[in-house]
């Protein structure tokens, strides 16, 4: 299973629209569009999970494709980096 980052989505995009877009390349396991925590409004990106071979085909075919007047940025999702200062504390 591979997680795909989908960026530069139109703010009007729905999970069903994104699922339909990727379904042309194989079975979509999960779609997760990210909303702002405070406002609840879409942030213009999300993640799609598909089997590895299907994901590779979808990334290759859909990166740069227009959706709602915006060129999609699609690539394999990278692991989330830890948040925080990262420095040493002195007491």
Protein backbone atom coordinates (compact mmCIF):
# COMPACT_ATOMS: atom_id res chain seq x y z
CA UNK A 1 0.00 0.00 0.00
CA UNK A 2 1.31 3.41 -0.97
CA UNK A 3 0.24 6.84 0.27
CA UNK A 4 0.07 9.52 -2.41
CA UNK A 5 0.29 13.26 -1.70
CA UNK A 6 -2.19 15.27 -3.79
CA UNK A 7 -1.44 18.99 -3.73
CA UNK A 8 -2.81 22.15 -5.33
CA UNK A 9 -6.36 20.81 -5.22
CA UNK A 10 -9.16 23.28 -5.89
CA UNK A 11 -10.76 24.21 -2.56
CA UNK A 12 -14.08 22.94 -3.94
CA UNK A 13 -12.75 19.40 -4.52
CA UNK A 14 -14.61 16.60 -2.74
CA UNK A 15 -13.35 13.19 -1.61
CA UNK A 16 -15.63 11.57 -4.21
CA UNK A 17 -14.13 13.66 -7.04
CA UNK A 18 -10.59 12.79 -5.97
CA UNK A 19 -11.54 9.10 -5.59
CA UNK A 20 -13.05 9.09 -9.11
CA UNK A 21 -9.93 10.73 -10.56
CA UNK A 22 -7.62 8.06 -9.08
CA UNK A 23 -10.01 5.12 -9.65
CA UNK A 24 -9.08 5.13 -13.34
CA UNK A 25 -5.72 3.65 -12.26
CA UNK A 26 -6.89 1.03 -9.76
CA UNK A 27 -8.73 0.50 -6.52
CA UNK A 28 -8.61 3.47 -4.16
CA UNK A 29 -8.34 2.29 -0.55
CA UNK A 30 -8.69 5.66 1.16
CA UNK A 31 -9.03 9.38 0.41
CA UNK A 32 -8.28 11.99 3.08
CA UNK A 33 -8.62 15.69 2.22
CA UNK A 34 -7.11 17.99 4.84
CA UNK A 35 -9.12 20.80 6.42
CA UNK A 36 -7.88 23.69 8.56
CA UNK A 37 -8.31 22.84 12.26
CA UNK A 38 -9.59 26.27 13.23
CA UNK A 39 -11.83 27.21 10.29
CA UNK A 40 -12.76 23.77 8.95
CA UNK A 41 -12.07 25.02 5.42
CA UNK A 42 -10.17 22.86 2.90
CA UNK A 43 -6.41 23.44 2.77
CA UNK A 44 -6.04 22.37 -0.87
CA UNK A 45 -4.22 19.08 -0.35
CA UNK A 46 -4.86 15.53 0.73
CA UNK A 47 -3.76 11.93 0.54
CA UNK A 48 -4.87 8.88 -1.42
CA UNK A 49 -3.95 5.28 -0.59
CA UNK A 50 -3.64 2.67 -3.35
CA UNK A 51 -1.74 -0.54 -4.06
CA UNK A 52 1.88 0.12 -5.05
CA UNK A 53 1.63 -0.59 -8.80
CA UNK A 54 -1.64 1.35 -9.16
CA UNK A 55 -0.20 4.25 -7.19
CA UNK A 56 2.86 4.47 -9.44
CA UNK A 57 0.67 4.60 -12.56
CA UNK A 58 -1.59 7.25 -11.00
CA UNK A 59 1.35 9.44 -9.93
CA UNK A 60 2.89 9.26 -13.39
CA UNK A 61 -0.36 10.03 -15.20
CA UNK A 62 -1.92 12.65 -12.92
CA UNK A 63 1.00 14.85 -11.83
CA UNK A 64 0.46 18.21 -13.51
CA UNK A 65 -3.04 17.35 -14.73
CA UNK A 66 -5.58 20.16 -14.49
CA UNK A 67 -8.39 19.93 -11.93
CA UNK A 68 -10.67 22.90 -11.55
CA UNK A 69 -8.19 25.19 -13.29
CA UNK A 70 -5.24 24.15 -11.08
CA UNK A 71 -2.33 21.86 -12.04
CA UNK A 72 -2.21 19.02 -9.52
CA UNK A 73 1.05 18.21 -7.71
CA UNK A 74 1.13 14.48 -7.09
CA UNK A 75 3.91 12.38 -5.63
CA UNK A 76 4.55 9.63 -3.12
CA UNK A 77 3.79 10.93 0.37
CA UNK A 78 6.80 11.35 2.64
CA UNK A 79 6.69 10.34 6.30
CA UNK A 80 5.60 13.16 8.59
CA UNK A 81 8.55 14.92 10.18
CA UNK A 82 8.46 15.49 13.92
CA UNK A 83 7.45 18.99 14.99
CA UNK A 84 9.23 20.98 17.64
CA UNK A 85 12.32 23.00 18.37
CA UNK A 86 14.75 20.18 17.96
CA UNK A 87 17.48 21.93 19.93
CA UNK A 88 19.09 21.17 23.25
CA UNK A 89 17.61 22.68 26.35
CA UNK A 90 19.76 24.19 29.02
CA UNK A 91 18.49 24.25 32.57
